[in-house]
Protein backbone atom coordinates (compact mmCIF):
# COMPACT_ATOMS: atom_id res chain seq x y z
CA PRO A 1 19.61 -3.36 25.56
CA THR A 2 19.93 -1.17 28.80
CA MET A 3 17.93 1.54 29.52
CA ILE A 4 18.43 4.09 32.37
CA ILE A 5 15.57 6.24 33.46
CA CYS A 6 16.79 9.49 35.21
CA LYS A 7 13.34 11.28 36.72
CA THR A 8 14.02 15.03 36.02
CA ASP A 9 12.78 18.26 37.12
CA ILE A 10 12.71 20.80 34.24
CA GLY A 11 14.12 24.04 35.47
CA HIS A 12 15.49 23.16 38.34
CA GLY A 13 16.33 25.92 41.16
CA SER A 14 14.53 28.21 39.05
CA PRO A 15 12.02 29.56 41.78
CA ASN A 16 9.48 30.82 39.19
CA LYS A 17 10.27 28.72 35.90
CA HIS A 18 10.90 25.01 37.17
CA GLY A 19 8.08 22.46 36.22
CA THR A 20 6.94 24.73 33.60
CA ALA A 21 6.90 24.34 29.57
CA GLU A 22 8.62 27.62 29.82
CA ALA A 23 11.53 26.35 31.12
CA HIS A 24 11.87 23.99 28.68
CA GLY A 25 11.13 26.71 25.24
CA THR A 26 12.98 29.67 26.77
CA ALA A 27 16.00 30.72 28.67
CA VAL A 28 16.04 31.67 32.51
CA MET A 29 17.03 35.57 32.31
CA GLY A 30 17.22 38.48 34.02
CA ASP A 31 16.36 38.86 37.62
CA GLU A 32 15.05 35.02 36.99
CA ILE A 33 18.99 34.46 36.78
CA ALA A 34 19.60 35.91 40.32
CA ALA A 35 16.63 34.48 42.07
CA THR A 36 18.02 31.19 40.77
CA ARG A 37 21.51 31.81 41.88
CA ALA A 38 20.53 32.58 45.69
CA ASN A 39 18.00 29.88 45.78
CA LEU A 40 20.40 27.05 44.71
CA GLY A 41 22.93 29.21 47.14
CA TRP A 42 25.48 29.67 44.59
CA THR A 43 28.02 32.42 45.04
CA LEU A 44 30.46 32.23 42.49
CA PRO A 45 30.73 34.52 39.50
CA PRO A 46 29.86 33.25 35.70
CA PHE A 47 32.51 31.02 34.53
CA GLU A 48 33.71 29.95 37.90
CA MET A 49 33.98 26.56 39.45
CA PRO A 50 34.85 25.72 42.77
CA PRO A 51 37.79 22.97 43.80
CA GLU A 52 35.78 20.16 44.71
CA ALA A 53 34.35 20.19 40.85
CA TYR A 54 37.42 19.80 39.17
CA ALA A 55 38.42 17.16 41.67
CA VAL A 56 35.25 15.23 40.96
CA LEU A 57 36.18 15.76 37.02
CA ASP A 58 39.66 14.34 37.76
CA ALA A 59 38.42 11.22 39.20
CA LYS A 60 37.82 9.62 35.33
CA VAL A 61 42.02 9.13 35.15
CA ASN A 62 41.17 6.71 38.37
CA GLY A 63 38.14 5.17 36.88
CA ALA A 64 40.13 4.54 33.56
CA ALA A 65 42.69 2.48 34.98
CA LEU A 66 40.16 0.74 37.08
CA GLU A 67 38.44 -0.37 33.91
CA ALA A 68 41.55 -1.07 32.30
CA ALA A 69 42.22 -3.70 35.18
CA TRP A 70 38.72 -4.86 35.01
CA ASN A 71 38.78 -5.75 31.26
CA ARG A 72 42.23 -7.38 31.63
CA ALA A 73 40.69 -9.33 34.58
CA PHE A 74 37.49 -10.36 32.18
CA ALA A 75 39.23 -11.51 29.54
CA GLY A 76 41.36 -13.94 31.24
CA ALA A 77 38.17 -15.00 33.40
CA ASP A 78 35.79 -15.97 30.09
CA PRO A 79 37.49 -16.27 27.00
CA GLU A 80 34.43 -17.05 25.04
CA LEU A 81 32.25 -14.18 26.37
CA LYS A 82 34.73 -11.98 25.38
CA ARG A 83 34.84 -13.61 21.68
CA ARG A 84 31.34 -13.24 21.62
CA LEU A 85 31.35 -9.29 22.78
CA GLY A 86 34.49 -8.72 20.51
CA ASN A 87 31.95 -9.47 17.87
CA GLU A 88 34.60 -11.73 16.80
CA LEU A 89 33.47 -15.68 15.24
CA PRO A 90 34.95 -18.77 16.77
CA ALA A 91 38.33 -20.23 15.93
CA ASN A 92 36.98 -23.21 14.10
CA TYR A 93 34.37 -21.35 11.71
CA ALA A 94 36.15 -21.94 8.99
CA ASP A 95 35.00 -25.86 9.65
CA ILE A 96 31.43 -25.07 10.60
CA LEU A 97 31.31 -23.10 6.92
CA LYS A 98 33.26 -25.97 4.58
CA ALA A 99 30.36 -28.49 6.46
CA ALA A 100 27.85 -26.01 5.37
CA ILE A 101 29.14 -25.80 1.50
CA ASP A 102 29.61 -29.43 1.50
CA ALA A 103 25.92 -30.37 2.25
CA ALA A 104 25.06 -27.73 -0.03
CA ILE A 105 27.19 -29.07 -2.92
CA ALA A 106 25.43 -32.30 -2.17
CA VAL A 107 22.02 -31.50 -2.73
CA ASP A 108 20.63 -33.26 -5.96
CA LYS A 109 16.85 -32.14 -5.64
CA GLU A 110 15.09 -29.07 -6.06
CA VAL A 111 14.36 -27.19 -3.18
CA ALA A 112 13.03 -23.80 -2.28
CA THR A 113 15.57 -21.21 -1.07
CA ARG A 114 13.60 -20.72 2.37
CA LYS A 115 14.72 -24.36 3.02
CA ALA A 116 18.04 -24.45 1.68
CA ALA A 117 18.80 -21.54 4.13
CA GLN A 118 17.33 -23.81 7.19
CA ASN A 119 19.58 -26.07 5.88
CA ALA A 120 22.57 -23.89 6.18
CA LEU A 121 20.92 -22.41 9.64
CA GLU A 122 21.49 -26.30 10.86
CA PHE A 123 25.38 -25.40 10.58
CA PHE A 124 25.82 -22.29 11.63
CA GLY A 125 22.78 -21.65 14.17
CA PRO A 126 24.05 -24.84 16.66
CA ALA A 127 27.56 -24.10 16.03
CA LEU A 128 27.21 -20.33 16.93
CA PRO A 129 25.78 -19.76 20.40
CA GLU A 130 25.24 -15.84 19.74
CA MET A 131 22.84 -16.37 16.85
CA ILE A 132 19.37 -15.39 18.35
CA GLY A 133 16.80 -15.87 15.72
CA GLY A 134 13.61 -15.03 15.69
CA SER A 135 10.24 -14.24 13.22
CA ALA A 136 7.03 -12.04 13.27
CA ASP A 137 4.39 -15.08 13.99
CA LEU A 138 5.98 -16.73 10.40
CA THR A 139 8.34 -19.13 12.31
CA GLY A 140 6.54 -22.14 9.82
CA SER A 141 6.93 -20.21 7.12
CA ASN A 142 10.38 -18.21 6.96
CA LEU A 143 12.28 -21.35 9.05
CA THR A 144 13.84 -19.38 11.14
CA ASN A 145 14.35 -22.14 13.64
CA HIS A 146 16.87 -25.14 13.77
CA LYS A 147 16.73 -28.44 15.64
CA GLN A 148 18.47 -26.78 18.41
CA SER A 149 16.28 -23.65 18.85
CA ILE A 150 14.87 -22.78 21.87
CA ALA A 151 11.94 -20.56 22.37
CA VAL A 152 12.31 -17.51 24.83
CA THR A 153 9.73 -17.28 27.18
CA SER A 154 8.55 -15.92 30.63
CA GLU A 155 9.99 -18.80 32.28
CA GLY A 156 13.37 -18.89 31.10
CA VAL A 157 15.82 -18.16 28.18
CA GLY A 158 16.56 -19.16 24.53
CA ASN A 159 17.95 -18.70 21.28
CA HIS A 160 14.50 -17.89 19.39
CA ILE A 161 11.89 -15.42 19.59
CA GLY A 162 8.38 -15.13 18.66
CA TYR A 163 7.87 -11.40 17.95
CA GLY A 164 4.47 -11.41 17.27
CA VAL A 165 2.78 -9.80 14.50
CA ARG A 166 5.41 -6.91 14.90
CA GLU A 167 7.90 -6.22 12.35
CA PHE A 168 9.11 -3.33 13.12
CA GLY A 169 9.35 -3.94 16.75
CA MET A 170 11.12 -6.83 15.70
CA CYS A 171 13.62 -5.08 13.49
CA ALA A 172 13.88 -2.57 16.52
CA ILE A 173 14.72 -5.26 18.56
CA ALA A 174 17.58 -6.62 16.17
CA ASN A 175 19.28 -3.51 16.05
CA GLY A 176 19.52 -3.09 19.63
CA MET A 177 20.75 -6.61 20.08
CA ALA A 178 23.24 -5.67 17.59
CA LEU A 179 24.52 -2.56 18.81
CA HIS A 180 24.72 -4.04 22.65
CA GLY A 181 27.26 -6.73 21.08
CA GLY A 182 27.77 -10.61 21.78
CA ILE A 183 24.60 -11.56 19.38
CA ILE A 184 24.44 -12.04 15.56
CA PRO A 185 20.58 -11.56 15.85
CA TYR A 186 18.60 -12.70 12.83
CA VAL A 187 15.08 -12.02 12.06
CA GLY A 188 11.98 -13.37 9.51
CA THR A 189 9.13 -12.74 8.14
CA PHE A 190 7.51 -12.29 4.88
CA LEU A 191 9.37 -10.07 2.51
CA VAL A 192 6.22 -7.68 1.26
CA PHE A 193 6.51 -7.03 5.45
CA SER A 194 9.69 -5.14 4.84
CA ASP A 195 7.47 -2.26 4.56
CA TYR A 196 6.53 -2.13 8.31
CA ALA A 197 10.31 -2.66 9.13
CA ARG A 198 11.74 -0.27 6.65
CA ASN A 199 12.92 2.35 9.08
CA ALA A 200 14.40 -0.08 11.48
CA ILE A 201 16.34 -1.74 8.85
CA ARG A 202 17.37 1.65 7.45
CA MET A 203 18.74 2.27 10.85
CA ALA A 204 20.90 -0.94 10.90
CA ALA A 205 22.15 0.32 7.45
CA ILE A 206 22.96 3.92 9.01
CA MET A 207 24.28 2.46 12.10
CA LYS A 208 26.69 -0.47 10.27
CA GLN A 209 25.00 -3.09 12.31
CA ARG A 210 25.35 -6.82 12.17
CA VAL A 211 21.67 -7.59 11.60
CA ILE A 212 20.72 -10.79 9.04
CA TYR A 213 16.83 -10.39 8.06
CA ILE A 214 15.03 -14.05 6.56
CA PHE A 215 12.61 -12.59 4.22
CA THR A 216 10.58 -15.24 2.37
CA HIS A 217 7.40 -15.18 0.04
CA ASP A 218 9.69 -13.11 -2.41
CA SER A 219 7.78 -13.08 -5.58
CA ILE A 220 4.72 -13.70 -7.46
CA GLY A 221 5.26 -17.15 -6.62
CA VAL A 222 3.41 -16.52 -3.81
CA GLY A 223 0.42 -18.08 -5.57
CA GLU A 224 -3.30 -17.28 -4.41
CA ASP A 225 -2.65 -14.62 -1.58
CA GLY A 226 -2.61 -12.32 -4.40
CA PRO A 227 -0.73 -8.80 -5.05
CA THR A 228 -1.19 -7.49 -1.07
CA HIS A 229 1.28 -10.68 -0.82
CA GLN A 230 3.17 -10.19 -3.90
CA PRO A 231 6.63 -8.39 -3.17
CA VAL A 232 6.98 -6.99 -6.66
CA GLU A 233 8.48 -2.97 -5.78
CA HIS A 234 9.80 -4.48 -2.85
CA ILE A 235 13.93 -5.74 -3.93
CA ALA A 236 14.39 -2.86 -5.94
CA SER A 237 13.51 -0.47 -3.44
CA LEU A 238 15.73 -2.33 -0.88
CA ARG A 239 18.63 -2.58 -3.13
CA LEU A 240 18.90 1.32 -2.89
CA ILE A 241 19.39 1.79 0.95
CA PRO A 242 23.02 2.29 1.34
CA GLY A 243 24.76 -0.46 3.11
CA LEU A 244 22.19 -3.01 3.05
CA GLN A 245 23.08 -6.22 1.08
CA VAL A 246 20.46 -8.00 -0.21
CA TRP A 247 21.02 -11.49 -1.60
CA ARG A 248 18.34 -13.09 -3.38
CA PRO A 249 19.85 -16.70 -3.88
CA ALA A 250 19.44 -19.08 -6.90
CA ASP A 251 19.83 -22.36 -4.89
CA SER A 252 21.50 -24.14 -1.34
CA MET A 253 24.55 -23.20 -2.75
CA GLU A 254 23.93 -19.46 -2.88
CA SER A 255 21.51 -19.74 0.37
CA THR A 256 24.43 -21.19 2.10
CA VAL A 257 26.92 -18.53 1.07
CA ALA A 258 24.39 -15.67 1.32
CA TYR A 259 23.99 -16.48 5.00
CA ALA A 260 27.50 -16.92 5.83
CA SER A 261 27.98 -13.57 4.77
CA GLY A 262 25.58 -12.22 6.75
CA ILE A 263 27.41 -13.90 9.62
CA GLU A 264 30.46 -12.62 8.51
CA ARG A 265 29.81 -9.10 7.76
CA LYS A 266 30.69 -6.82 10.87
CA ASN A 267 29.65 -3.12 8.99
CA GLY A 268 26.17 -3.58 7.96
CA PRO A 269 22.90 -5.67 7.62
CA THR A 270 22.40 -8.36 4.89
CA MET A 271 19.01 -9.27 4.00
CA LEU A 272 17.83 -12.72 2.13
CA CYS A 273 15.03 -12.85 -0.28
CA LEU A 274 13.99 -16.40 -0.24
CA SER A 275 11.68 -18.22 -2.54
CA ARG A 276 8.45 -20.18 -1.38
CA GLN A 277 8.51 -22.06 -4.42
CA ASN A 278 11.27 -24.80 -5.17
CA THR A 279 14.10 -23.85 -6.89
CA ALA A 280 16.18 -25.71 -10.08
CA VAL A 281 19.35 -27.68 -9.10
CA ILE A 282 22.75 -25.83 -10.33
CA LYS A 283 25.59 -28.37 -10.38
CA ARG A 284 27.66 -26.88 -7.97
CA ASP A 285 31.58 -27.06 -6.88
CA ALA A 286 33.43 -25.76 -4.25
CA SER A 287 35.31 -23.17 -6.28
CA HIS A 288 31.62 -21.67 -6.68
CA GLU A 289 31.81 -19.97 -3.35
CA ALA A 290 34.62 -17.36 -4.51
CA LEU A 291 32.26 -16.59 -7.74
CA ILE A 292 29.37 -16.54 -5.63
CA ARG A 293 30.82 -13.87 -3.12
CA ARG A 294 31.58 -11.57 -5.73
CA GLY A 295 27.31 -11.22 -6.07
CA GLY A 296 27.32 -11.76 -9.80
CA TYR A 297 29.25 -14.43 -12.01
CA ILE A 298 28.57 -16.24 -14.87
CA VAL A 299 26.72 -19.86 -13.58
CA SER A 300 26.69 -21.42 -17.05
CA GLU A 301 28.62 -20.46 -19.59
CA VAL A 302 29.33 -21.39 -23.70
CA LEU A 303 31.80 -21.47 -26.55
CA LYS A 304 30.92 -18.36 -27.94
CA PRO A 305 27.86 -16.47 -26.45
CA ALA A 306 25.68 -14.63 -28.67
CA LEU A 307 24.19 -12.58 -25.52
CA VAL A 308 23.62 -12.33 -22.04
CA LEU A 309 21.08 -13.79 -19.79
CA ILE A 310 21.07 -11.88 -16.48
CA ALA A 311 19.00 -13.69 -13.22
CA THR A 312 18.38 -13.84 -9.50
CA GLY A 313 16.73 -16.02 -7.46
CA SER A 314 14.16 -18.67 -8.84
CA GLU A 315 14.56 -17.32 -12.57
CA VAL A 316 18.05 -18.54 -12.79
CA GLY A 317 16.44 -21.76 -13.40
CA LEU A 318 14.78 -20.12 -16.29
CA ALA A 319 17.62 -18.73 -17.70
CA LEU A 320 19.50 -21.68 -17.30
CA ALA A 321 15.96 -23.40 -19.28
CA ALA A 322 15.87 -20.78 -21.95
CA GLN A 323 20.09 -21.43 -22.52
CA LYS A 324 19.00 -25.14 -23.19
CA ALA A 325 16.01 -23.90 -25.37
CA LEU A 326 18.08 -21.15 -27.25
CA ALA A 327 20.93 -23.92 -28.22
CA ALA A 328 18.68 -25.85 -29.63
CA ASP A 329 17.97 -23.44 -32.05
CA GLY A 330 22.01 -22.38 -32.81
CA ILE A 331 21.81 -19.69 -30.44
CA GLU A 332 24.87 -19.34 -27.53
CA ALA A 333 23.74 -17.79 -24.80
CA ARG A 334 25.83 -17.08 -21.42
CA VAL A 335 23.73 -17.37 -17.76
CA VAL A 336 25.15 -15.04 -15.26
CA SER A 337 23.51 -15.07 -11.65
CA MET A 338 23.46 -11.71 -9.52
CA PRO A 339 22.36 -13.02 -6.18
CA CYS A 340 23.49 -9.68 -4.63
CA THR A 341 23.81 -6.73 -7.18
CA GLN A 342 25.49 -4.30 -4.34
CA LEU A 343 28.49 -7.08 -4.16
CA PHE A 344 28.65 -7.25 -7.93
CA ASP A 345 28.74 -3.44 -8.33
CA GLN A 346 32.05 -3.48 -5.77
CA GLN A 347 33.94 -5.30 -8.22
CA THR A 348 36.88 -4.50 -10.54
CA ILE A 349 35.78 -2.82 -13.84
CA ASP A 350 37.69 -5.82 -15.39
CA TYR A 351 35.63 -8.25 -13.89
CA LYS A 352 32.29 -6.57 -14.67
CA LEU A 353 33.36 -6.30 -18.21
CA ALA A 354 34.44 -9.84 -18.46
CA VAL A 355 31.24 -11.29 -16.85
CA LEU A 356 28.92 -8.68 -18.85
CA PRO A 357 30.38 -8.06 -21.87
CA PRO A 358 29.54 -4.62 -23.37
CA ASP A 359 28.99 -6.12 -27.01
CA LEU A 360 26.55 -8.59 -25.98
CA PRO A 361 22.97 -8.10 -25.91
CA LYS A 362 21.60 -8.62 -22.52
CA ILE A 363 18.40 -9.61 -20.92
CA ALA A 364 17.57 -9.09 -17.08
CA ILE A 365 14.89 -12.14 -16.35
CA GLU A 366 13.92 -11.26 -12.36
CA ALA A 367 9.95 -11.87 -11.03
CA GLY A 368 9.85 -8.14 -9.73
CA VAL A 369 9.93 -4.20 -11.15
CA THR A 370 12.92 -3.93 -13.60
CA ASP A 371 13.98 -0.74 -13.02
CA GLY A 372 17.20 -1.46 -11.27
CA TRP A 373 18.44 -3.54 -13.97
CA TRP A 374 18.98 -1.22 -17.03
CA LYS A 375 22.20 -0.43 -15.97
CA TYR A 376 23.30 -3.74 -16.67
CA ILE A 377 21.55 -4.11 -19.71
CA HIS A 378 22.58 -0.61 -20.72
CA GLY A 379 26.28 -1.12 -20.27
CA GLY A 380 27.57 -1.45 -23.51
CA GLN A 381 26.31 -0.26 -27.14
CA THR A 382 23.77 -3.16 -27.63
CA PRO A 383 20.41 -3.55 -27.65
CA GLY A 384 18.69 -5.47 -24.19
CA ALA A 385 15.49 -6.28 -22.60
CA ALA A 386 14.23 -6.69 -19.20
CA ILE A 387 11.84 -9.84 -18.21
CA GLY A 388 10.05 -8.71 -15.00
CA ILE A 389 6.59 -7.27 -13.25
CA ASP A 390 5.74 -3.68 -13.29
CA THR A 391 2.76 -4.26 -12.38
CA PHE A 392 1.14 -5.71 -8.80
CA GLY A 393 0.29 -9.16 -8.92
CA GLU A 394 -2.64 -11.42 -8.94
CA SER A 395 -4.43 -14.38 -7.57
CA ALA A 396 -3.37 -17.62 -9.07
CA PRO A 397 -1.39 -20.21 -8.93
CA ALA A 398 2.00 -19.54 -9.42
CA PRO A 399 2.86 -21.65 -12.60
CA VAL A 400 -0.24 -19.79 -13.83
CA LEU A 401 1.01 -16.56 -12.82
CA MET A 402 4.47 -16.74 -14.19
CA LYS A 403 2.94 -17.57 -17.81
CA HIS A 404 0.60 -14.91 -17.29
CA PHE A 405 3.53 -12.30 -16.29
CA GLY A 406 5.99 -13.79 -19.37
CA LEU A 407 8.62 -15.41 -16.94
CA THR A 408 9.05 -18.21 -19.44
CA VAL A 409 11.20 -19.95 -21.30
CA GLU A 410 9.10 -19.20 -24.56
CA ASN A 411 9.01 -15.74 -23.75
CA VAL A 412 13.00 -15.52 -22.63
CA VAL A 413 14.09 -17.31 -26.34
CA ALA A 414 11.33 -14.84 -28.20
CA LYS A 415 13.15 -12.15 -27.04
CA ALA A 416 16.52 -12.88 -27.23
CA LYS A 417 15.80 -13.54 -30.89
CA THR A 418 14.51 -9.93 -31.18
CA LEU A 419 17.99 -8.73 -29.98
CA LEU A 420 20.03 -10.87 -32.52
């Protein structure tokens, strides 16, 4: 960002008003106009300009030609800088993405989605030098760094900024970098602290700037820190910001696609809400990338579904476990993962109805407030339920909290049976 400071004298030229609040809030009138004209030596009548003023104004034509010539010379001198300032991705981006996707497909053990996102960053960060990361004093928790991260210090440049506990300042600075061009800023903090940064996030959406937010510790899965650090209303409220795409990925594959979506998107900010705790392993193949990019998709299908389980993030694993338990009781349930509701909402009516048939009961499962899920649950004429948290959290180990708030296989199965 560049700041140009111009020192001015308010009401300059007015003998009696300059440098006063009166010159700021009221118009110069009557005798003071005549006194100002005399003081400035201005003799021309109103609305008449001297010829030399027009000569200065006409200089913009020559300036445009000079600028065009400079731009042509610049483009030939440094095509890489031209690419970055043009907010274009490198020619080999498809190869970079494929490598990241292949690595995500190969993951065969449970990992937290914050770690899954960092694993994806190991591919994107080194290959895209325009990615400038940072965190609000939580790099070790948010995992916004990669193996080639270099801290920005007073001694020299780098690609990772330690912002300190300044969430709003961090996100506002990210906006400035995005507006300048040539930089893809990504920043991190705990999701619950998005409240401190909300105005800057909203401004990024208003200005349609490419900023990526890595907001971790996304639910009561935080555990013993208690309700002050457990986001319950945050994801639902952030989804309401027009133009902000909010992702809550379930595993390594969804985390990688979410990161890629934020990198590729040029007309608005992207937020990744990531878990502290490990999430379930989901069997993947390359075809899933296109499905994930739809924002919501069938992650596990059955022959004749009797109901649909919709889930996000760490609760997708819960839905898949409930699917197995229901199958043991002779009930077939489709599982839909919906990592980005905004993208799902943009799909065709036919696609949305195919994923969420109006004639099937639906249960939405997310470790947060349930308000936003009813439009998906009641898309048809069938009953439905939402399993979530419509109160503040509590201080206890994460598994204890999940059981306390009904985010269990047993509760999902019991709810399902009441709908059939």
